[in-house]
Amino acid sequence: MSNIGYEITFEGLGDLQATLEEAADLKPVAELTRTHTARMLQNAQRRSPKDTRFLMRSGSLSIEDAGLTGIVDFYAEYAAYQEYGTRWIVGKFYLKQSFDVESRLYLSSLERMFN
């Protein structure tokens, strides 16, 4: 598996975290996490290089922690080279771009849900 990774860290959102912890029913949050993780995968697959389409098809999605953690991974051995580049090729940043877009949408959706 490749070791490409980005993560969202909640800093300065103490009120939102407290609200999440106090909420009795986290199913809407889990559904929101699933939706945005799936959209991130689709967006990353659309942005990935498509010479043989192997990289695009190697994308996988997994949901953990009762639906509160979404993971997008590309298992092609060369996925990290396409993402970050090498000294001879420029990185495509297909996963980072998708992460940046969906993380903003996810956070705004969470804020709307609890406001």
Foldseek 3Di string as FASTA:
>chain_A
DDDDDDDDDDDPPVVLVVVCVPDPDCVVLLVLLVVLLVQLLVQLLVQADPPPSLQSVQWDWDADDSSNDIDIDRPDPCPVCQQCNDPVDHHSVSNVVSCVVSVVVSVVVSVVVVD
